[in-house]
Amino acid sequence: MGIAKYEISGTEGTWRVRHDGRAENEYATKEAAFEAAIGAASLAIRQGHEVIVTAPASETTTGSPANGVRSRTACFARNLLPWP
Protein backbone atom coordinates (compact mmCIF):
# COMPACT_ATOMS: atom_id res chain seq x y z
CA MET A 1 0.00 0.00 0.00
CA GLY A 2 1.04 3.60 -0.49
CA ILE A 3 1.20 6.70 1.66
CA ALA A 4 -1.94 8.79 2.25
CA LYS A 5 -0.84 12.36 2.99
CA TYR A 6 -3.18 15.05 4.31
CA GLU A 7 -1.91 18.65 4.52
CA ILE A 8 -3.98 21.26 6.36
CA SER A 9 -3.46 24.84 5.21
CA GLY A 10 -5.24 28.15 5.18
CA THR A 11 -5.98 31.25 7.20
CA GLU A 12 -8.66 32.13 9.73
CA GLY A 13 -12.07 31.33 8.26
CA THR A 14 -10.77 29.46 5.20
CA TRP A 15 -9.02 26.13 5.83
CA ARG A 16 -8.47 23.27 3.40
CA VAL A 17 -7.13 19.72 3.48
CA ARG A 18 -4.93 18.82 0.51
CA HIS A 19 -4.91 15.14 -0.47
CA ASP A 20 -3.86 13.63 -3.81
CA GLY A 21 -3.02 17.13 -5.09
CA ARG A 22 -6.54 18.47 -4.47
CA ALA A 23 -8.03 20.65 -1.73
CA GLU A 24 -11.69 20.77 -2.69
CA ASN A 25 -13.54 21.34 0.60
CA GLU A 26 -13.37 24.51 2.69
CA TYR A 27 -13.63 24.59 6.49
CA ALA A 28 -14.34 27.52 8.80
CA THR A 29 -11.77 26.46 11.41
CA LYS A 30 -8.45 24.66 11.44
CA GLU A 31 -9.96 22.21 13.94
CA ALA A 32 -12.77 21.32 11.53
CA ALA A 33 -10.22 20.70 8.76
CA PHE A 34 -8.18 18.53 11.15
CA GLU A 35 -11.24 16.45 12.08
CA ALA A 36 -12.02 15.90 8.40
CA ALA A 37 -8.42 14.88 7.71
CA ILE A 38 -8.39 12.45 10.64
CA GLY A 39 -11.64 10.86 9.48
CA ALA A 40 -10.18 10.28 6.02
CA ALA A 41 -6.88 9.11 7.53
CA SER A 42 -8.71 6.54 9.64
CA LEU A 43 -10.23 4.99 6.53
CA ALA A 44 -6.84 4.99 4.80
CA ILE A 45 -5.28 3.15 7.76
CA ARG A 46 -8.00 0.51 7.62
CA GLN A 47 -7.17 0.07 3.93
CA GLY A 48 -3.53 -0.58 4.85
CA HIS A 49 -1.93 2.74 3.90
CA GLU A 50 0.73 4.61 5.83
CA VAL A 51 -0.77 7.97 6.85
CA ILE A 52 0.79 11.42 7.30
CA VAL A 53 -1.25 14.37 8.63
CA THR A 54 0.35 17.82 8.74
CA ALA A 55 -1.18 20.90 10.38
CA PRO A 56 0.38 24.35 10.87
CA ALA A 57 0.99 25.65 14.37
CA SER A 58 -1.13 28.53 15.63
CA GLU A 59 0.29 32.01 15.26
CA THR A 60 0.64 34.64 17.97
CA THR A 61 -1.03 38.06 17.74
CA THR A 62 2.12 39.37 15.99
CA GLY A 63 1.75 36.75 13.28
CA SER A 64 4.83 34.78 14.29
CA PRO A 65 4.59 31.03 14.98
CA ALA A 66 3.82 30.07 18.58
CA ASN A 67 6.92 28.90 20.48
CA GLY A 68 8.89 28.72 17.24
CA VAL A 69 6.91 25.69 16.08
CA ARG A 70 5.96 25.83 12.40
CA SER A 71 3.90 22.66 12.05
CA ARG A 72 3.07 19.34 13.61
CA THR A 73 3.18 16.08 11.73
CA ALA A 74 1.59 12.83 12.81
CA CYS A 75 2.60 9.67 11.01
CA PHE A 76 0.65 6.45 11.50
CA ALA A 77 1.19 3.03 10.05
CA ARG A 78 -1.06 0.01 10.32
CA ASN A 79 1.60 -2.09 12.04
CA LEU A 80 1.78 0.41 14.92
CA LEU A 81 -1.85 -0.03 15.94
CA PRO A 82 -3.43 -0.38 18.45
CA TRP A 83 -2.12 2.57 20.39
CA PRO A 84 -1.34 1.92 24.08
PDB file of N, CA and C in Angstrom:
ATOM      1  N   MET A   1       0.832  -1.180   0.000  1.00  0.00           N
ATOM      2  CA  MET A   1       0.000   0.000   0.000  1.00  0.00           C
ATOM      3  C   MET A   1       0.877   1.243   0.000  1.00  0.00           C
ATOM      4  N   GLY A   2       0.304   2.352  -0.400  1.00  0.00           N
ATOM      5  CA  GLY A   2       1.042   3.604  -0.490  1.00  0.00           C
ATOM      6  C   GLY A   2       0.868   4.475   0.740  1.00  0.00           C
ATOM      7  N   ILE A   3       1.298   5.713   0.593  1.00  0.00           N
ATOM      8  CA  ILE A   3       1.198   6.702   1.659  1.00  0.00           C
ATOM      9  C   ILE A   3       0.025   7.620   1.363  1.00  0.00           C
ATOM     10  N   ALA A   4      -0.830   7.832   2.349  1.00  0.00           N
ATOM     11  CA  ALA A   4      -1.937   8.786   2.248  1.00  0.00           C
ATOM     12  C   ALA A   4      -1.520  10.020   3.041  1.00  0.00           C
ATOM     13  N   LYS A   5      -1.327  11.141   2.352  1.00  0.00           N
ATOM     14  CA  LYS A   5      -0.835  12.359   2.988  1.00  0.00           C
ATOM     15  C   LYS A   5      -1.937  13.417   2.982  1.00  0.00           C
ATOM     16  N   TYR A   6      -2.165  14.024   4.148  1.00  0.00           N
ATOM     17  CA  TYR A   6      -3.185  15.054   4.312  1.00  0.00           C
ATOM     18  C   TYR A   6      -2.505  16.298   4.870  1.00  0.00           C
ATOM     19  N   GLU A   7      -2.558  17.406   4.118  1.00  0.00           N
ATOM     20  CA  GLU A   7      -1.909  18.652   4.523  1.00  0.00           C
ATOM     21  C   GLU A   7      -2.963  19.722   4.769  1.00  0.00           C
ATOM     22  N   ILE A   8      -3.028  20.207   5.998  1.00  0.00           N
ATOM     23  CA  ILE A   8      -3.981  21.257   6.359  1.00  0.00           C
ATOM     24  C   ILE A   8      -3.306  22.601   6.147  1.00  0.00           C
ATOM     25  N   SER A   9      -3.999  23.508   5.450  1.00  0.00           N
ATOM     26  CA  SER A   9      -3.455  24.843   5.212  1.00  0.00           C
ATOM     27  C   SER A   9      -4.594  25.845   5.141  1.00  0.00           C
ATOM     28  N   GLY A  10      -4.253  27.106   5.298  1.00  0.00           N
ATOM     29  CA  GLY A  10      -5.244  28.154   5.180  1.00  0.00           C
ATOM     30  C   GLY A  10      -4.991  29.290   6.133  1.00  0.00           C
ATOM     31  N   THR A  11      -6.002  30.128   6.264  1.00  0.00           N
ATOM     32  CA  THR A  11      -5.984  31.245   7.196  1.00  0.00           C
ATOM     33  C   THR A  11      -7.323  31.259   7.912  1.00  0.00           C
ATOM     34  N   GLU A  12      -7.429  32.079   8.926  1.00  0.00           N
ATOM     35  CA  GLU A  12      -8.656  32.128   9.730  1.00  0.00           C
ATOM     36  C   GLU A  12      -9.895  32.249   8.855  1.00  0.00           C
ATOM     37  N   GLY A  13     -10.809  31.311   9.005  1.00  0.00           N
ATOM     38  CA  GLY A  13     -12.067  31.327   8.261  1.00  0.00           C
ATOM     39  C   GLY A  13     -12.049  30.535   6.970  1.00  0.00           C
ATOM     40  N   THR A  14     -10.873  30.200   6.453  1.00  0.00           N
ATOM     41  CA  THR A  14     -10.766  29.460   5.204  1.00  0.00           C
ATOM     42  C   THR A  14      -9.644  28.439   5.316  1.00  0.00           C
ATOM     43  N   TRP A  15      -9.990  27.225   5.674  1.00  0.00           N
ATOM     44  CA  TRP A  15      -9.017  26.134   5.833  1.00  0.00           C
ATOM     45  C   TRP A  15      -9.340  25.031   4.855  1.00  0.00           C
ATOM     46  N   ARG A  16      -8.311  24.360   4.361  1.00  0.00           N
ATOM     47  CA  ARG A  16      -8.472  23.266   3.400  1.00  0.00           C
ATOM     48  C   ARG A  16      -7.583  22.096   3.783  1.00  0.00           C
ATOM     49  N   VAL A  17      -7.948  20.918   3.306  1.00  0.00           N
ATOM     50  CA  VAL A  17      -7.133  19.715   3.478  1.00  0.00           C
ATOM     51  C   VAL A  17      -6.720  19.256   2.084  1.00  0.00           C
ATOM     52  N   ARG A  18      -5.434  19.271   1.806  1.00  0.00           N
ATOM     53  CA  ARG A  18      -4.925  18.822   0.509  1.00  0.00           C
ATOM     54  C   ARG A  18      -4.607  17.328   0.588  1.00  0.00           C
ATOM     55  N   HIS A  19      -5.150  16.588  -0.369  1.00  0.00           N
ATOM     56  CA  HIS A  19      -4.912  15.140  -0.470  1.00  0.00           C
ATOM     57  C   HIS A  19      -4.936  14.783  -1.945  1.00  0.00           C
ATOM     58  N   ASP A  20      -3.961  14.018  -2.400  1.00  0.00           N
ATOM     59  CA  ASP A  20      -3.858  13.635  -3.811  1.00  0.00           C
ATOM     60  C   ASP A  20      -3.820  14.860  -4.727  1.00  0.00           C
ATOM     61  N   GLY A  21      -3.176  15.929  -4.268  1.00  0.00           N
ATOM     62  CA  GLY A  21      -3.023  17.130  -5.089  1.00  0.00           C
ATOM     63  C   GLY A  21      -4.247  18.019  -5.161  1.00  0.00           C
ATOM     64  N   ARG A  22      -5.301  17.680  -4.422  1.00  0.00           N
ATOM     65  CA  ARG A  22      -6.540  18.474  -4.467  1.00  0.00           C
ATOM     66  C   ARG A  22      -6.926  18.923  -3.065  1.00  0.00           C
ATOM     67  N   ALA A  23      -7.499  20.113  -2.987  1.00  0.00           N
ATOM     68  CA  ALA A  23      -8.025  20.647  -1.731  1.00  0.00           C
ATOM     69  C   ALA A  23      -9.406  21.229  -2.031  1.00  0.00           C
ATOM     70  N   GLU A  24     -10.385  20.365  -2.186  1.00  0.00           N
ATOM     71  CA  GLU A  24     -11.693  20.772  -2.687  1.00  0.00           C
ATOM     72  C   GLU A  24     -12.597  21.392  -1.628  1.00  0.00           C
ATOM     73  N   ASN A  25     -12.609  20.852  -0.429  1.00  0.00           N
ATOM     74  CA  ASN A  25     -13.536  21.343   0.597  1.00  0.00           C
ATOM     75  C   ASN A  25     -12.926  22.476   1.393  1.00  0.00           C
ATOM     76  N   GLU A  26     -13.789  23.363   1.887  1.00  0.00           N
ATOM     77  CA  GLU A  26     -13.366  24.508   2.686  1.00  0.00           C
ATOM     78  C   GLU A  26     -13.979  24.388   4.077  1.00  0.00           C
ATOM     79  N   TYR A  27     -13.192  24.702   5.103  1.00  0.00           N
ATOM     80  CA  TYR A  27     -13.630  24.589   6.493  1.00  0.00           C
ATOM     81  C   TYR A  27     -13.462  25.940   7.188  1.00  0.00           C
ATOM     82  N   ALA A  28     -14.368  26.243   8.103  1.00  0.00           N
ATOM     83  CA  ALA A  28     -14.344  27.525   8.802  1.00  0.00           C
ATOM     84  C   ALA A  28     -13.216  27.606   9.827  1.00  0.00           C
ATOM     85  N   THR A  29     -12.821  26.459  10.389  1.00  0.00           N
ATOM     86  CA  THR A  29     -11.773  26.456  11.408  1.00  0.00           C
ATOM     87  C   THR A  29     -10.710  25.417  11.073  1.00  0.00           C
ATOM     88  N   LYS A  30      -9.541  25.633  11.620  1.00  0.00           N
ATOM     89  CA  LYS A  30      -8.453  24.660  11.442  1.00  0.00           C
ATOM     90  C   LYS A  30      -8.832  23.340  12.102  1.00  0.00           C
ATOM     91  N   GLU A  31      -9.538  23.413  13.234  1.00  0.00           N
ATOM     92  CA  GLU A  31      -9.955  22.208  13.939  1.00  0.00           C
ATOM     93  C   GLU A  31     -10.914  21.379  13.098  1.00  0.00           C
ATOM     94  N   ALA A  32     -11.828  22.041  12.394  1.00  0.00           N
ATOM     95  CA  ALA A  32     -12.767  21.319  11.526  1.00  0.00           C
ATOM     96  C   ALA A  32     -12.023  20.631  10.383  1.00  0.00           C
ATOM     97  N   ALA A  33     -11.032  21.306   9.820  1.00  0.00           N
ATOM     98  CA  ALA A  33     -10.223  20.702   8.762  1.00  0.00           C
ATOM     99  C   ALA A  33      -9.454  19.503   9.306  1.00  0.00           C
ATOM    100  N   PHE A  34      -8.919  19.634  10.520  1.00  0.00           N
ATOM    101  CA  PHE A  34      -8.185  18.534  11.151  1.00  0.00           C
ATOM    102  C   PHE A  34      -9.093  17.331  11.361  1.00  0.00           C
ATOM    103  N   GLU A  35     -10.304  17.555  11.862  1.00  0.00           N
ATOM    104  CA  GLU A  35     -11.239  16.453  12.082  1.00  0.00           C
ATOM    105  C   GLU A  35     -11.582  15.750  10.776  1.00  0.00           C
ATOM    106  N   ALA A  36     -11.746  16.511   9.703  1.00  0.00           N
ATOM    107  CA  ALA A  36     -12.022  15.900   8.395  1.00  0.00           C
ATOM    108  C   ALA A  36     -10.827  15.075   7.927  1.00  0.00           C
ATOM    109  N   ALA A  37      -9.621  15.603   8.125  1.00  0.00           N
ATOM    110  CA  ALA A  37      -8.416  14.879   7.714  1.00  0.00           C
ATOM    111  C   ALA A  37      -8.259  13.588   8.505  1.00  0.00           C
ATOM    112  N   ILE A  38      -8.525  13.639   9.796  1.00  0.00           N
ATOM    113  CA  ILE A  38      -8.387  12.445  10.638  1.00  0.00           C
ATOM    114  C   ILE A  38      -9.420  11.392  10.258  1.00  0.00           C
ATOM    115  N   GLY A  39     -10.620  11.821   9.925  1.00  0.00           N
ATOM    116  CA  GLY A  39     -11.639  10.864   9.478  1.00  0.00           C
ATOM    117  C   GLY A  39     -11.204  10.142   8.214  1.00  0.00           C
ATOM    118  N   ALA A  40     -10.670  10.892   7.256  1.00  0.00           N
ATOM    119  CA  ALA A  40     -10.182  10.277   6.021  1.00  0.00           C
ATOM    120  C   ALA A  40      -8.959   9.403   6.290  1.00  0.00           C
ATOM    121  N   ALA A  41      -8.090   9.867   7.188  1.00  0.00           N
ATOM    122  CA  ALA A  41      -6.884   9.108   7.528  1.00  0.00           C
ATOM    123  C   ALA A  41      -7.241   7.778   8.185  1.00  0.00           C
ATOM    124  N   SER A  42      -8.273   7.766   8.987  1.00  0.00           N
ATOM    125  CA  SER A  42      -8.713   6.541   9.645  1.00  0.00           C
ATOM    126  C   SER A  42      -9.115   5.487   8.614  1.00  0.00           C
ATOM    127  N   LEU A  43      -9.842   5.916   7.606  1.00  0.00           N
ATOM    128  CA  LEU A  43     -10.233   4.994   6.533  1.00  0.00           C
ATOM    129  C   LEU A  43      -9.000   4.490   5.786  1.00  0.00           C
ATOM    130  N   ALA A  44      -8.056   5.379   5.516  1.00  0.00           N
ATOM    131  CA  ALA A  44      -6.836   4.991   4.800  1.00  0.00           C
ATOM    132  C   ALA A  44      -6.038   3.964   5.597  1.00  0.00           C
ATOM    133  N   ILE A  45      -5.982   4.120   6.919  1.00  0.00           N
ATOM    134  CA  ILE A  45      -5.275   3.152   7.762  1.00  0.00           C
ATOM    135  C   ILE A  45      -5.951   1.787   7.668  1.00  0.00           C
ATOM    136  N   ARG A  46      -7.283   1.776   7.723  1.00  0.00           N
ATOM    137  CA  ARG A  46      -8.004   0.505   7.617  1.00  0.00           C
ATOM    138  C   ARG A  46      -7.743  -0.183   6.283  1.00  0.00           C
ATOM    139  N   GLN A  47      -7.462   0.619   5.247  1.00  0.00           N
ATOM    140  CA  GLN A  47      -7.166   0.067   3.927  1.00  0.00           C
ATOM    141  C   GLN A  47      -5.705  -0.360   3.796  1.00  0.00           C
ATOM    142  N   GLY A  48      -4.906  -0.128   4.854  1.00  0.00           N
ATOM    143  CA  GLY A  48      -3.527  -0.581   4.854  1.00  0.00           C
ATOM    144  C   GLY A  48      -2.479   0.444   4.476  1.00  0.00           C
ATOM    145  N   HIS A  49      -2.869   1.697   4.276  1.00  0.00           N
ATOM    146  CA  HIS A  49      -1.925   2.744   3.903  1.00  0.00           C
ATOM    147  C   HIS A  49      -1.162   3.281   5.108  1.00  0.00           C
ATOM    148  N   GLU A  50       0.037   3.767   4.854  1.00  0.00           N
ATOM    149  CA  GLU A  50       0.728   4.612   5.830  1.00  0.00           C
ATOM    150  C   GLU A  50       0.074   5.985   5.720  1.00  0.00           C
ATOM    151  N   VAL A  51      -0.060   6.700   6.847  1.00  0.00           N
ATOM    152  CA  VAL A  51      -0.766   7.974   6.846  1.00  0.00           C
ATOM    153  C   VAL A  51       0.103   9.068   7.446  1.00  0.00           C
ATOM    154  N   ILE A  52       0.106  10.231   6.781  1.00  0.00           N
ATOM    155  CA  ILE A  52       0.786  11.416   7.297  1.00  0.00           C
ATOM    156  C   ILE A  52      -0.218  12.555   7.316  1.00  0.00           C
ATOM    157  N   VAL A  53      -0.375  13.205   8.480  1.00  0.00           N
ATOM    158  CA  VAL A  53      -1.249  14.369   8.625  1.00  0.00           C
ATOM    159  C   VAL A  53      -0.389  15.530   9.100  1.00  0.00           C
ATOM    160  N   THR A  54      -0.436  16.650   8.381  1.00  0.00           N
ATOM    161  CA  THR A  54       0.349  17.824   8.737  1.00  0.00           C
ATOM    162  C   THR A  54      -0.589  19.009   8.948  1.00  0.00           C
ATOM    163  N   ALA A  55      -0.384  19.712  10.069  1.00  0.00           N
ATOM    164  CA  ALA A  55      -1.179  20.899  10.381  1.00  0.00           C
ATOM    165  C   ALA A  55      -0.249  22.004  10.862  1.00  0.00           C
ATOM    166  N   PRO A  56      -0.480  23.248  10.433  1.00  0.00           N
ATOM    167  CA  PRO A  56       0.377  24.347  10.872  1.00  0.00           C
ATOM    168  C   PRO A  56       0.117  24.688  12.335  1.00  0.00           C
ATOM    169  N   ALA A  57       1.149  25.187  12.998  1.00  0.00           N
ATOM    170  CA  ALA A  57       0.995  25.654  14.371  1.00  0.00           C
ATOM    171  C   ALA A  57       0.186  26.946  14.375  1.00  0.00           C
ATOM    172  N   SER A  58      -0.407  27.266  15.497  1.00  0.00           N
ATOM    173  CA  SER A  58      -1.129  28.531  15.629  1.00  0.00           C
ATOM    174  C   SER A  58      -0.133  29.677  15.672  1.00  0.00           C
ATOM    175  N   GLU A  59      -0.569  30.834  15.230  1.00  0.00           N
ATOM    176  CA  GLU A  59       0.286  32.009  15.261  1.00  0.00           C
ATOM    177  C   GLU A  59      -0.069  32.876  16.455  1.00  0.00           C
ATOM    178  N   THR A  60       0.881  33.685  16.878  1.00  0.00           N
ATOM    179  CA  THR A  60       0.641  34.641  17.966  1.00  0.00           C
ATOM    180  C   THR A  60      -0.038  35.871  17.384  1.00  0.00           C
ATOM    181  N   THR A  61      -0.371  36.842  18.219  1.00  0.00           N
ATOM    182  CA  THR A  61      -1.025  38.061  17.744  1.00  0.00           C
ATOM    183  C   THR A  61      -0.129  38.874  16.827  1.00  0.00           C
ATOM    184  N   THR A  62       1.192  38.661  16.885  1.00  0.00           N
ATOM    185  CA  THR A  62       2.115  39.369  15.991  1.00  0.00           C
ATOM    186  C   THR A  62       2.253  38.675  14.652  1.00  0.00           C
ATOM    187  N   GLY A  63       1.670  37.487  14.521  1.00  0.00           N
ATOM    188  CA  GLY A  63       1.750  36.745  13.277  1.00  0.00           C
ATOM    189  C   GLY A  63       2.896  35.757  13.228  1.00  0.00           C
ATOM    190  N   SER A  64       3.726  35.724  14.269  1.00  0.00           N
ATOM    191  CA  SER A  64       4.834  34.777  14.289  1.00  0.00           C
ATOM    192  C   SER A  64       4.353  33.442  14.849  1.00  0.00           C
ATOM    193  N   PRO A  65       5.006  32.352  14.471  1.00  0.00           N
ATOM    194  CA  PRO A  65       4.590  31.035  14.978  1.00  0.00           C
ATOM    195  C   PRO A  65       4.716  30.952  16.496  1.00  0.00           C
ATOM    196  N   ALA A  66       3.799  30.261  17.131  1.00  0.00           N
ATOM    197  CA  ALA A  66       3.821  30.074  18.576  1.00  0.00           C
ATOM    198  C   ALA A  66       5.002  29.208  18.978  1.00  0.00           C
ATOM    199  N   ASN A  67       5.790  29.659  19.935  1.00  0.00           N
ATOM    200  CA  ASN A  67       6.918  28.897  20.480  1.00  0.00           C
ATOM    201  C   ASN A  67       7.890  28.416  19.414  1.00  0.00           C
ATOM    202  N   GLY A  68       7.957  29.095  18.279  1.00  0.00           N
ATOM    203  CA  GLY A  68       8.895  28.724  17.236  1.00  0.00           C
ATOM    204  C   GLY A  68       8.509  27.471  16.471  1.00  0.00           C
ATOM    205  N   VAL A  69       7.346  26.913  16.745  1.00  0.00           N
ATOM    206  CA  VAL A  69       6.913  25.690  16.075  1.00  0.00           C
ATOM    207  C   VAL A  69       6.179  26.068  14.801  1.00  0.00           C
ATOM    208  N   ARG A  70       6.574  25.498  13.678  1.00  0.00           N
ATOM    209  CA  ARG A  70       5.956  25.829  12.403  1.00  0.00           C
ATOM    210  C   ARG A  70       4.824  24.870  12.032  1.00  0.00           C
ATOM    211  N   SER A  71       4.968  23.618  12.348  1.00  0.00           N
ATOM    212  CA  SER A  71       3.901  22.663  12.050  1.00  0.00           C
ATOM    213  C   SER A  71       4.081  21.418  12.885  1.00  0.00           C
ATOM    214  N   ARG A  72       3.044  20.631  12.934  1.00  0.00           N
ATOM    215  CA  ARG A  72       3.069  19.341  13.614  1.00  0.00           C
ATOM    216  C   ARG A  72       2.732  18.275  12.589  1.00  0.00           C
ATOM    217  N   THR A  73       3.441  17.184  12.644  1.00  0.00           N
ATOM    218  CA  THR A  73       3.177  16.080  11.731  1.00  0.00           C
ATOM    219  C   THR A  73       2.922  14.823  12.544  1.00  0.00           C
ATOM    220  N   ALA A  74       1.873  14.122  12.195  1.00  0.00           N
ATOM    221  CA  ALA A  74       1.587  12.832  12.814  1.00  0.00           C
ATOM    222  C   ALA A  74       1.703  11.780  11.724  1.00  0.00           C
ATOM    223  N   CYS A  75       2.423  10.739  11.993  1.00  0.00           N
ATOM    224  CA  CYS A  75       2.596   9.668  11.012  1.00  0.00           C
ATOM    225  C   CYS A  75       2.121   8.363  11.649  1.00  0.00           C
ATOM    226  N   PHE A  76       1.222   7.682  10.982  1.00  0.00           N
ATOM    227  CA  PHE A  76       0.651   6.451  11.501  1.00  0.00           C
ATOM    228  C   PHE A  76       0.835   5.347  10.472  1.00  0.00           C
ATOM    229  N   ALA A  77       1.112   4.184  10.936  1.00  0.00           N
ATOM    230  CA  ALA A  77       1.192   3.029  10.049  1.00  0.00           C
ATOM    231  C   ALA A  77       0.391   1.896  10.674  1.00  0.00           C
ATOM    232  N   ARG A  78      -0.186   1.087   9.852  1.00  0.00           N
ATOM    233  CA  ARG A  78      -1.060   0.015  10.320  1.00  0.00           C
ATOM    234  C   ARG A  78      -0.360  -0.899  11.323  1.00  0.00           C
ATOM    235  N   ASN A  79       0.916  -1.161  11.132  1.00  0.00           N
ATOM    236  CA  ASN A  79       1.595  -2.090  12.037  1.00  0.00           C
ATOM    237  C   ASN A  79       1.874  -1.494  13.407  1.00  0.00           C
ATOM    238  N   LEU A  80       1.592  -0.217  13.621  1.00  0.00           N
ATOM    239  CA  LEU A  80       1.784   0.414  14.923  1.00  0.00           C
ATOM    240  C   LEU A  80       0.530   0.361  15.793  1.00  0.00           C
ATOM    241  N   LEU A  81      -0.594  -0.009  15.206  1.00  0.00           N
ATOM    242  CA  LEU A  81      -1.846  -0.026  15.945  1.00  0.00           C
ATOM    243  C   LEU A  81      -2.024  -1.351  16.672  1.00  0.00           C
ATOM    244  N   PRO A  82      -2.723  -1.459  17.747  1.00  0.00           N
ATOM    245  CA  PRO A  82      -3.427  -0.382  18.448  1.00  0.00           C
ATOM    246  C   PRO A  82      -2.470   0.444  19.303  1.00  0.00           C
ATOM    247  N   TRP A  83      -2.886   1.675  19.532  1.00  0.00           N
ATOM    248  CA  TRP A  83      -2.117   2.569  20.393  1.00  0.00           C
ATOM    249  C   TRP A  83      -2.279   2.118  21.836  1.00  0.00           C
ATOM    250  N   PRO A  84      -1.238   2.332  22.660  1.00  0.00           N
ATOM    251  CA  PRO A  84      -1.345   1.920  24.078  1.00  0.00           C
ATOM    252  C   PRO A  84      -2.406   2.686  24.834  1.00  0.00           C
TER     253      PRO A  84
END
